[in-house]
Amino acid sequence: MTESNLMTPDLDLLAERVERAAALVASLREEKQNLIRERDEIAGRIEELRERLQGQDAATLVSELQQLRKEQKEWHGERREVASRIETLVRKLERLEA
């Protein structure tokens, strides 16, 4: 076999890996956009609650605020996870391209 014939399967395999990685990156970007949209919706809900809850029982307000903070921490954790996965994939793509 010639050197060209030996490289073709390697190039095909590399192309498949790059395509899978690119599809995964696109999927993660879409997921990130969904998370951003959901975060913005939650921020809007928080603002609405703040407006509605003015003048209400302080204990109730504290309880609801704690729940909202918990949700916010969960979203931040998921966002960090998505960002980490994207960074890992980008590094892998960069290694593949090198």
PDB file of N, CA and C in Angstrom:
ATOM      1  N   MET A   1       0.837  -1.184   0.000  1.00  0.00           N
ATOM      2  CA  MET A   1       0.000   0.000   0.000  1.00  0.00           C
ATOM      3  C   MET A   1       0.875   1.239   0.000  1.00  0.00           C
ATOM      4  N   THR A   2       0.382   2.244  -0.618  1.00  0.00           N
ATOM      5  CA  THR A   2       1.135   3.485  -0.642  1.00  0.00           C
ATOM      6  C   THR A   2       0.845   4.273   0.618  1.00  0.00           C
ATOM      7  N   GLU A   3       1.694   5.249   0.844  1.00  0.00           N
ATOM      8  CA  GLU A   3       1.514   6.092   2.028  1.00  0.00           C
ATOM      9  C   GLU A   3       0.174   6.807   1.972  1.00  0.00           C
ATOM     10  N   SER A   4      -0.257   7.189   0.797  1.00  0.00           N
ATOM     11  CA  SER A   4      -1.545   7.872   0.627  1.00  0.00           C
ATOM     12  C   SER A   4      -2.705   6.973   1.041  1.00  0.00           C
ATOM     13  N   ASN A   5      -2.629   5.697   0.688  1.00  0.00           N
ATOM     14  CA  ASN A   5      -3.690   4.757   1.057  1.00  0.00           C
ATOM     15  C   ASN A   5      -3.718   4.516   2.565  1.00  0.00           C
ATOM     16  N   LEU A   6      -2.557   4.568   3.197  1.00  0.00           N
ATOM     17  CA  LEU A   6      -2.507   4.376   4.642  1.00  0.00           C
ATOM     18  C   LEU A   6      -3.076   5.578   5.387  1.00  0.00           C
ATOM     19  N   MET A   7      -2.902   6.763   4.827  1.00  0.00           N
ATOM     20  CA  MET A   7      -3.363   7.983   5.490  1.00  0.00           C
ATOM     21  C   MET A   7      -4.865   8.185   5.339  1.00  0.00           C
ATOM     22  N   THR A   8      -5.463   7.642   4.296  1.00  0.00           N
ATOM     23  CA  THR A   8      -6.885   7.859   4.040  1.00  0.00           C
ATOM     24  C   THR A   8      -7.763   7.384   5.189  1.00  0.00           C
ATOM     25  N   PRO A   9      -7.574   6.171   5.722  1.00  0.00           N
ATOM     26  CA  PRO A   9      -8.412   5.772   6.862  1.00  0.00           C
ATOM     27  C   PRO A   9      -8.200   6.684   8.078  1.00  0.00           C
ATOM     28  N   ASP A  10      -6.950   7.098   8.291  1.00  0.00           N
ATOM     29  CA  ASP A  10      -6.687   8.006   9.408  1.00  0.00           C
ATOM     30  C   ASP A  10      -7.410   9.330   9.210  1.00  0.00           C
ATOM     31  N   LEU A  11      -7.371   9.835   8.004  1.00  0.00           N
ATOM     32  CA  LEU A  11      -8.054  11.099   7.714  1.00  0.00           C
ATOM     33  C   LEU A  11      -9.561  10.939   7.820  1.00  0.00           C
ATOM     34  N   ASP A  12     -10.077   9.806   7.361  1.00  0.00           N
ATOM     35  CA  ASP A  12     -11.519   9.555   7.478  1.00  0.00           C
ATOM     36  C   ASP A  12     -11.931   9.486   8.945  1.00  0.00           C
ATOM     37  N   LEU A  13     -11.127   8.798   9.741  1.00  0.00           N
ATOM     38  CA  LEU A  13     -11.411   8.689  11.169  1.00  0.00           C
ATOM     39  C   LEU A  13     -11.348  10.057  11.834  1.00  0.00           C
ATOM     40  N   LEU A  14     -10.349  10.825  11.486  1.00  0.00           N
ATOM     41  CA  LEU A  14     -10.215  12.174  12.027  1.00  0.00           C
ATOM     42  C   LEU A  14     -11.410  13.032  11.614  1.00  0.00           C
ATOM     43  N   ALA A  15     -11.832  12.924  10.372  1.00  0.00           N
ATOM     44  CA  ALA A  15     -12.982  13.686   9.899  1.00  0.00           C
ATOM     45  C   ALA A  15     -14.241  13.313  10.666  1.00  0.00           C
ATOM     46  N   GLU A  16     -14.429  12.033  10.922  1.00  0.00           N
ATOM     47  CA  GLU A  16     -15.584  11.581  11.700  1.00  0.00           C
ATOM     48  C   GLU A  16     -15.546  12.151  13.109  1.00  0.00           C
ATOM     49  N   ARG A  17     -14.380  12.115  13.714  1.00  0.00           N
ATOM     50  CA  ARG A  17     -14.243  12.637  15.081  1.00  0.00           C
ATOM     51  C   ARG A  17     -14.521  14.137  15.121  1.00  0.00           C
ATOM     52  N   VAL A  18     -13.990  14.842  14.153  1.00  0.00           N
ATOM     53  CA  VAL A  18     -14.210  16.284  14.107  1.00  0.00           C
ATOM     54  C   VAL A  18     -15.689  16.581  13.895  1.00  0.00           C
ATOM     55  N   GLU A  19     -16.341  15.830  13.022  1.00  0.00           N
ATOM     56  CA  GLU A  19     -17.778  16.039  12.785  1.00  0.00           C
ATOM     57  C   GLU A  19     -18.587  15.750  14.047  1.00  0.00           C
ATOM     58  N   ARG A  20     -18.242  14.688  14.752  1.00  0.00           N
ATOM     59  CA  ARG A  20     -18.953  14.376  16.006  1.00  0.00           C
ATOM     60  C   ARG A  20     -18.713  15.469  17.042  1.00  0.00           C
ATOM     61  N   ALA A  21     -17.479  15.912  17.139  1.00  0.00           N
ATOM     62  CA  ALA A  21     -17.147  16.968  18.101  1.00  0.00           C
ATOM     63  C   ALA A  21     -17.872  18.267  17.732  1.00  0.00           C
ATOM     64  N   ALA A  22     -17.913  18.576  16.452  1.00  0.00           N
ATOM     65  CA  ALA A  22     -18.608  19.792  16.013  1.00  0.00           C
ATOM     66  C   ALA A  22     -20.103  19.693  16.313  1.00  0.00           C
ATOM     67  N   ALA A  23     -20.677  18.522  16.100  1.00  0.00           N
ATOM     68  CA  ALA A  23     -22.094  18.332  16.419  1.00  0.00           C
ATOM     69  C   ALA A  23     -22.330  18.476  17.916  1.00  0.00           C
ATOM     70  N   LEU A  24     -21.424  17.952  18.707  1.00  0.00           N
ATOM     71  CA  LEU A  24     -21.547  18.067  20.156  1.00  0.00           C
ATOM     72  C   LEU A  24     -21.419  19.523  20.592  1.00  0.00           C
ATOM     73  N   VAL A  25     -20.482  20.244  20.004  1.00  0.00           N
ATOM     74  CA  VAL A  25     -20.319  21.668  20.325  1.00  0.00           C
ATOM     75  C   VAL A  25     -21.599  22.419  19.966  1.00  0.00           C
ATOM     76  N   ALA A  26     -22.169  22.137  18.803  1.00  0.00           N
ATOM     77  CA  ALA A  26     -23.417  22.797  18.402  1.00  0.00           C
ATOM     78  C   ALA A  26     -24.525  22.470  19.388  1.00  0.00           C
ATOM     79  N   SER A  27     -24.593  21.230  19.808  1.00  0.00           N
ATOM     80  CA  SER A  27     -25.607  20.825  20.777  1.00  0.00           C
ATOM     81  C   SER A  27     -25.405  21.540  22.110  1.00  0.00           C
ATOM     82  N   LEU A  28     -24.157  21.630  22.544  1.00  0.00           N
ATOM     83  CA  LEU A  28     -23.867  22.316  23.802  1.00  0.00           C
ATOM     84  C   LEU A  28     -24.166  23.802  23.703  1.00  0.00           C
ATOM     85  N   ARG A  29     -23.911  24.386  22.563  1.00  0.00           N
ATOM     86  CA  ARG A  29     -24.242  25.803  22.383  1.00  0.00           C
ATOM     87  C   ARG A  29     -25.750  26.012  22.464  1.00  0.00           C
ATOM     88  N   GLU A  30     -26.495  25.108  21.856  1.00  0.00           N
ATOM     89  CA  GLU A  30     -27.953  25.201  21.927  1.00  0.00           C
ATOM     90  C   GLU A  30     -28.423  25.039  23.371  1.00  0.00           C
ATOM     91  N   GLU A  31     -27.830  24.087  24.064  1.00  0.00           N
ATOM     92  CA  GLU A  31     -28.174  23.868  25.463  1.00  0.00           C
ATOM     93  C   GLU A  31     -27.833  25.106  26.295  1.00  0.00           C
ATOM     94  N   LYS A  32     -26.696  25.714  25.992  1.00  0.00           N
ATOM     95  CA  LYS A  32     -26.297  26.935  26.696  1.00  0.00           C
ATOM     96  C   LYS A  32     -27.320  28.037  26.459  1.00  0.00           C
ATOM     97  N   GLN A  33     -27.758  28.200  25.211  1.00  0.00           N
ATOM     98  CA  GLN A  33     -28.765  29.216  24.903  1.00  0.00           C
ATOM     99  C   GLN A  33     -30.059  28.940  25.659  1.00  0.00           C
ATOM    100  N   ASN A  34     -30.448  27.681  25.744  1.00  0.00           N
ATOM    101  CA  ASN A  34     -31.646  27.319  26.506  1.00  0.00           C
ATOM    102  C   ASN A  34     -31.480  27.676  27.972  1.00  0.00           C
ATOM    103  N   LEU A  35     -30.308  27.395  28.523  1.00  0.00           N
ATOM    104  CA  LEU A  35     -30.052  27.724  29.923  1.00  0.00           C
ATOM    105  C   LEU A  35     -30.055  29.233  30.147  1.00  0.00           C
ATOM    106  N   ILE A  36     -29.488  29.969  29.217  1.00  0.00           N
ATOM    107  CA  ILE A  36     -29.498  31.428  29.328  1.00  0.00           C
ATOM    108  C   ILE A  36     -30.924  31.944  29.291  1.00  0.00           C
ATOM    109  N   ARG A  37     -31.714  31.400  28.380  1.00  0.00           N
ATOM    110  CA  ARG A  37     -33.115  31.813  28.266  1.00  0.00           C
ATOM    111  C   ARG A  37     -33.871  31.495  29.565  1.00  0.00           C
ATOM    112  N   GLU A  38     -33.645  30.302  30.099  1.00  0.00           N
ATOM    113  CA  GLU A  38     -34.306  29.924  31.343  1.00  0.00           C
ATOM    114  C   GLU A  38     -33.836  30.790  32.507  1.00  0.00           C
ATOM    115  N   ARG A  39     -32.545  31.105  32.542  1.00  0.00           N
ATOM    116  CA  ARG A  39     -32.022  31.978  33.583  1.00  0.00           C
ATOM    117  C   ARG A  39     -32.684  33.352  33.515  1.00  0.00           C
ATOM    118  N   ASP A  40     -32.822  33.870  32.293  1.00  0.00           N
ATOM    119  CA  ASP A  40     -33.466  35.164  32.120  1.00  0.00           C
ATOM    120  C   ASP A  40     -34.926  35.123  32.549  1.00  0.00           C
ATOM    121  N   GLU A  41     -35.591  34.012  32.260  1.00  0.00           N
ATOM    122  CA  GLU A  41     -36.984  33.863  32.691  1.00  0.00           C
ATOM    123  C   GLU A  41     -37.071  33.852  34.212  1.00  0.00           C
ATOM    124  N   ILE A  42     -36.142  33.160  34.847  1.00  0.00           N
ATOM    125  CA  ILE A  42     -36.129  33.110  36.310  1.00  0.00           C
ATOM    126  C   ILE A  42     -35.844  34.498  36.872  1.00  0.00           C
ATOM    127  N   ALA A  43     -34.918  35.211  36.253  1.00  0.00           N
ATOM    128  CA  ALA A  43     -34.627  36.571  36.713  1.00  0.00           C
ATOM    129  C   ALA A  43     -35.883  37.441  36.595  1.00  0.00           C
ATOM    130  N   GLY A  44     -36.631  37.262  35.520  1.00  0.00           N
ATOM    131  CA  GLY A  44     -37.888  37.996  35.354  1.00  0.00           C
ATOM    132  C   GLY A  44     -38.890  37.623  36.429  1.00  0.00           C
ATOM    133  N   ARG A  45     -38.973  36.332  36.725  1.00  0.00           N
ATOM    134  CA  ARG A  45     -39.881  35.874  37.786  1.00  0.00           C
ATOM    135  C   ARG A  45     -39.471  36.454  39.139  1.00  0.00           C
ATOM    136  N   ILE A  46     -38.180  36.510  39.376  1.00  0.00           N
ATOM    137  CA  ILE A  46     -37.688  37.081  40.633  1.00  0.00           C
ATOM    138  C   ILE A  46     -38.121  38.540  40.747  1.00  0.00           C
ATOM    139  N   GLU A  47     -37.956  39.269  39.665  1.00  0.00           N
ATOM    140  CA  GLU A  47     -38.344  40.682  39.671  1.00  0.00           C
ATOM    141  C   GLU A  47     -39.842  40.832  39.891  1.00  0.00           C
ATOM    142  N   GLU A  48     -40.640  40.010  39.230  1.00  0.00           N
ATOM    143  CA  GLU A  48     -42.092  40.050  39.428  1.00  0.00           C
ATOM    144  C   GLU A  48     -42.445  39.763  40.881  1.00  0.00           C
ATOM    145  N   LEU A  49     -41.785  38.747  41.451  1.00  0.00           N
ATOM    146  CA  LEU A  49     -42.043  38.401  42.850  1.00  0.00           C
ATOM    147  C   LEU A  49     -41.658  39.548  43.783  1.00  0.00           C
ATOM    148  N   ARG A  50     -40.562  40.175  43.491  1.00  0.00           N
ATOM    149  CA  ARG A  50     -40.146  41.312  44.328  1.00  0.00           C
ATOM    150  C   ARG A  50     -41.221  42.393  44.326  1.00  0.00           C
ATOM    151  N   GLU A  51     -41.741  42.679  43.157  1.00  0.00           N
ATOM    152  CA  GLU A  51     -42.768  43.715  43.050  1.00  0.00           C
ATOM    153  C   GLU A  51     -44.049  43.292  43.767  1.00  0.00           C
ATOM    154  N   ARG A  52     -44.450  42.038  43.591  1.00  0.00           N
ATOM    155  CA  ARG A  52     -45.694  41.553  44.201  1.00  0.00           C
ATOM    156  C   ARG A  52     -45.582  41.402  45.711  1.00  0.00           C
ATOM    157  N   LEU A  53     -44.378  41.086  46.184  1.00  0.00           N
ATOM    158  CA  LEU A  53     -44.220  40.737  47.584  1.00  0.00           C
ATOM    159  C   LEU A  53     -43.914  41.925  48.492  1.00  0.00           C
ATOM    160  N   GLN A  54     -43.803  43.074  47.947  1.00  0.00           N
ATOM    161  CA  GLN A  54     -43.527  44.232  48.792  1.00  0.00           C
ATOM    162  C   GLN A  54     -44.676  44.422  49.775  1.00  0.00           C
ATOM    163  N   GLY A  55     -44.311  44.530  51.046  1.00  0.00           N
ATOM    164  CA  GLY A  55     -45.308  44.723  52.078  1.00  0.00           C
ATOM    165  C   GLY A  55     -45.878  43.443  52.646  1.00  0.00           C
ATOM    166  N   GLN A  56     -45.432  42.294  52.184  1.00  0.00           N
ATOM    167  CA  GLN A  56     -45.950  41.031  52.701  1.00  0.00           C
ATOM    168  C   GLN A  56     -45.118  40.543  53.884  1.00  0.00           C
ATOM    169  N   ASP A  57     -45.541  39.430  54.450  1.00  0.00           N
ATOM    170  CA  ASP A  57     -44.897  38.831  55.613  1.00  0.00           C
ATOM    171  C   ASP A  57     -43.417  38.556  55.342  1.00  0.00           C
ATOM    172  N   ALA A  58     -42.563  39.020  56.234  1.00  0.00           N
ATOM    173  CA  ALA A  58     -41.114  38.891  56.066  1.00  0.00           C
ATOM    174  C   ALA A  58     -40.679  37.422  56.051  1.00  0.00           C
ATOM    175  N   ALA A  59     -41.275  36.588  56.888  1.00  0.00           N
ATOM    176  CA  ALA A  59     -40.886  35.170  56.935  1.00  0.00           C
ATOM    177  C   ALA A  59     -41.187  34.488  55.604  1.00  0.00           C
ATOM    178  N   THR A  60     -42.329  34.827  55.016  1.00  0.00           N
ATOM    179  CA  THR A  60     -42.694  34.258  53.723  1.00  0.00           C
ATOM    180  C   THR A  60     -41.717  34.730  52.647  1.00  0.00           C
ATOM    181  N   LEU A  61     -41.393  36.007  52.703  1.00  0.00           N
ATOM    182  CA  LEU A  61     -40.447  36.562  51.731  1.00  0.00           C
ATOM    183  C   LEU A  61     -39.084  35.886  51.840  1.00  0.00           C
ATOM    184  N   VAL A  62     -38.630  35.655  53.045  1.00  0.00           N
ATOM    185  CA  VAL A  62     -37.330  35.018  53.258  1.00  0.00           C
ATOM    186  C   VAL A  62     -37.352  33.599  52.716  1.00  0.00           C
ATOM    187  N   SER A  63     -38.427  32.892  52.963  1.00  0.00           N
ATOM    188  CA  SER A  63     -38.551  31.518  52.475  1.00  0.00           C
ATOM    189  C   SER A  63     -38.520  31.467  50.951  1.00  0.00           C
ATOM    190  N   GLU A  64     -39.291  32.339  50.326  1.00  0.00           N
ATOM    191  CA  GLU A  64     -39.316  32.364  48.854  1.00  0.00           C
ATOM    192  C   GLU A  64     -37.972  32.795  48.291  1.00  0.00           C
ATOM    193  N   LEU A  65     -37.338  33.738  48.951  1.00  0.00           N
ATOM    194  CA  LEU A  65     -36.027  34.192  48.501  1.00  0.00           C
ATOM    195  C   LEU A  65     -34.996  33.062  48.590  1.00  0.00           C
ATOM    196  N   GLN A  66     -35.048  32.286  49.652  1.00  0.00           N
ATOM    197  CA  GLN A  66     -34.131  31.153  49.786  1.00  0.00           C
ATOM    198  C   GLN A  66     -34.345  30.143  48.662  1.00  0.00           C
ATOM    199  N   GLN A  67     -35.590  29.899  48.319  1.00  0.00           N
ATOM    200  CA  GLN A  67     -35.898  28.964  47.226  1.00  0.00           C
ATOM    201  C   GLN A  67     -35.356  29.493  45.902  1.00  0.00           C
ATOM    202  N   LEU A  68     -35.533  30.773  45.673  1.00  0.00           N
ATOM    203  CA  LEU A  68     -35.041  31.369  44.428  1.00  0.00           C
ATOM    204  C   LEU A  68     -33.520  31.339  44.377  1.00  0.00           C
ATOM    205  N   ARG A  69     -32.887  31.577  45.494  1.00  0.00           N
ATOM    206  CA  ARG A  69     -31.416  31.520  45.525  1.00  0.00           C
ATOM    207  C   ARG A  69     -30.927  30.098  45.254  1.00  0.00           C
ATOM    208  N   LYS A  70     -31.644  29.126  45.788  1.00  0.00           N
ATOM    209  CA  LYS A  70     -31.286  27.734  45.537  1.00  0.00           C
ATOM    210  C   LYS A  70     -31.380  27.426  44.046  1.00  0.00           C
ATOM    211  N   GLU A  71     -32.468  27.847  43.414  1.00  0.00           N
ATOM    212  CA  GLU A  71     -32.630  27.640  41.972  1.00  0.00           C
ATOM    213  C   GLU A  71     -31.522  28.343  41.204  1.00  0.00           C
ATOM    214  N   GLN A  72     -31.197  29.557  41.625  1.00  0.00           N
ATOM    215  CA  GLN A  72     -30.151  30.308  40.946  1.00  0.00           C
ATOM    216  C   GLN A  72     -28.809  29.577  41.041  1.00  0.00           C
ATOM    217  N   LYS A  73     -28.481  29.032  42.207  1.00  0.00           N
ATOM    218  CA  LYS A  73     -27.230  28.282  42.365  1.00  0.00           C
ATOM    219  C   LYS A  73     -27.214  27.057  41.459  1.00  0.00           C
ATOM    220  N   GLU A  74     -28.359  26.383  41.354  1.00  0.00           N
ATOM    221  CA  GLU A  74     -28.441  25.209  40.479  1.00  0.00           C
ATOM    222  C   GLU A  74     -28.173  25.611  39.031  1.00  0.00           C
ATOM    223  N   TRP A  75     -28.767  26.726  38.598  1.00  0.00           N
ATOM    224  CA  TRP A  75     -28.562  27.184  37.220  1.00  0.00           C
ATOM    225  C   TRP A  75     -27.108  27.580  36.988  1.00  0.00           C
ATOM    226  N   HIS A  76     -26.517  28.237  37.968  1.00  0.00           N
ATOM    227  CA  HIS A  76     -25.112  28.608  37.816  1.00  0.00           C
ATOM    228  C   HIS A  76     -24.240  27.359  37.716  1.00  0.00           C
ATOM    229  N   GLY A  77     -24.550  26.350  38.528  1.00  0.00           N
ATOM    230  CA  GLY A  77     -23.790  25.098  38.457  1.00  0.00           C
ATOM    231  C   GLY A  77     -23.914  24.436  37.103  1.00  0.00           C
ATOM    232  N   GLU A  78     -25.134  24.400  36.581  1.00  0.00           N
ATOM    233  CA  GLU A  78     -25.335  23.796  35.258  1.00  0.00           C
ATOM    234  C   GLU A  78     -24.629  24.608  34.181  1.00  0.00           C
ATOM    235  N   ARG A  79     -24.659  25.908  34.320  1.00  0.00           N
ATOM    236  CA  ARG A  79     -23.997  26.763  33.324  1.00  0.00           C
ATOM    237  C   ARG A  79     -22.487  26.538  33.357  1.00  0.00           C
ATOM    238  N   ARG A  80     -21.916  26.431  34.564  1.00  0.00           N
ATOM    239  CA  ARG A  80     -20.477  26.164  34.667  1.00  0.00           C
ATOM    240  C   ARG A  80     -20.140  24.810  34.043  1.00  0.00           C
ATOM    241  N   GLU A  81     -21.007  23.826  34.252  1.00  0.00           N
ATOM    242  CA  GLU A  81     -20.781  22.499  33.692  1.00  0.00           C
ATOM    243  C   GLU A  81     -20.795  22.544  32.163  1.00  0.00           C
ATOM    244  N   VAL A  82     -21.753  23.246  31.609  1.00  0.00           N
ATOM    245  CA  VAL A  82     -21.837  23.367  30.149  1.00  0.00           C
ATOM    246  C   VAL A  82     -20.607  24.092  29.620  1.00  0.00           C
ATOM    247  N   ALA A  83     -20.229  25.164  30.281  1.00  0.00           N
ATOM    248  CA  ALA A  83     -19.047  25.915  29.838  1.00  0.00           C
ATOM    249  C   ALA A  83     -17.800  25.041  29.894  1.00  0.00           C
ATOM    250  N   SER A  84     -17.682  24.250  30.932  1.00  0.00           N
ATOM    251  CA  SER A  84     -16.537  23.352  31.067  1.00  0.00           C
ATOM    252  C   SER A  84     -16.520  22.317  29.949  1.00  0.00           C
ATOM    253  N   ARG A  85     -17.681  21.771  29.642  1.00  0.00           N
ATOM    254  CA  ARG A  85     -17.761  20.774  28.565  1.00  0.00           C
ATOM    255  C   ARG A  85     -17.395  21.395  27.227  1.00  0.00           C
ATOM    256  N   ILE A  86     -17.849  22.609  26.996  1.00  0.00           N
ATOM    257  CA  ILE A  86     -17.526  23.296  25.739  1.00  0.00           C
ATOM    258  C   ILE A  86     -16.029  23.549  25.663  1.00  0.00           C
ATOM    259  N   GLU A  87     -15.437  24.015  26.754  1.00  0.00           N
ATOM    260  CA  GLU A  87     -13.994  24.267  26.759  1.00  0.00           C
ATOM    261  C   GLU A  87     -13.215  22.989  26.487  1.00  0.00           C
ATOM    262  N   THR A  88     -13.635  21.891  27.077  1.00  0.00           N
ATOM    263  CA  THR A  88     -12.971  20.613  26.857  1.00  0.00           C
ATOM    264  C   THR A  88     -13.056  20.211  25.390  1.00  0.00           C
ATOM    265  N   LEU A  89     -14.232  20.376  24.806  1.00  0.00           N
ATOM    266  CA  LEU A  89     -14.400  20.023  23.395  1.00  0.00           C
ATOM    267  C   LEU A  89     -13.573  20.924  22.489  1.00  0.00           C
ATOM    268  N   VAL A  90     -13.519  22.192  22.805  1.00  0.00           N
ATOM    269  CA  VAL A  90     -12.727  23.110  21.990  1.00  0.00           C
ATOM    270  C   VAL A  90     -11.258  22.716  22.055  1.00  0.00           C
ATOM    271  N   ARG A  91     -10.783  22.384  23.249  1.00  0.00           N
ATOM    272  CA  ARG A  91      -9.384  21.939  23.361  1.00  0.00           C
ATOM    273  C   ARG A  91      -9.144  20.676  22.543  1.00  0.00           C
ATOM    274  N   LYS A  92     -10.097  19.749  22.571  1.00  0.00           N
ATOM    275  CA  LYS A  92      -9.940  18.523  21.792  1.00  0.00           C
ATOM    276  C   LYS A  92      -9.926  18.833  20.296  1.00  0.00           C
ATOM    277  N   LEU A  93     -10.802  19.726  19.875  1.00  0.00           N
ATOM    278  CA  LEU A  93     -10.826  20.125  18.463  1.00  0.00           C
ATOM    279  C   LEU A  93      -9.509  20.775  18.064  1.00  0.00           C
ATOM    280  N   GLU A  94      -8.981  21.625  18.936  1.00  0.00           N
ATOM    281  CA  GLU A  94      -7.719  22.272  18.639  1.00  0.00           C
ATOM    282  C   GLU A  94      -6.591  21.261  18.515  1.00  0.00           C
ATOM    283  N   ARG A  95      -6.613  20.238  19.390  1.00  0.00           N
ATOM    284  CA  ARG A  95      -5.587  19.186  19.280  1.00  0.00           C
ATOM    285  C   ARG A  95      -5.754  18.406  17.982  1.00  0.00           C
ATOM    286  N   LEU A  96      -6.996  18.175  17.584  1.00  0.00           N
ATOM    287  CA  LEU A  96      -7.242  17.431  16.349  1.00  0.00           C
ATOM    288  C   LEU A  96      -6.779  18.229  15.135  1.00  0.00           C
ATOM    289  N   GLU A  97      -6.964  19.532  15.211  1.00  0.00           N
ATOM    290  CA  GLU A  97      -6.580  20.372  14.082  1.00  0.00           C
ATOM    291  C   GLU A  97      -5.081  20.568  14.002  1.00  0.00           C
ATOM    292  N   ALA A  98      -4.382  20.391  15.128  1.00  0.00           N
ATOM    293  CA  ALA A  98      -2.927  20.622  15.158  1.00  0.00           C
ATOM    294  C   ALA A  98      -2.196  19.532  14.416  1.00  0.00           C
TER     295      ALA A  98
END
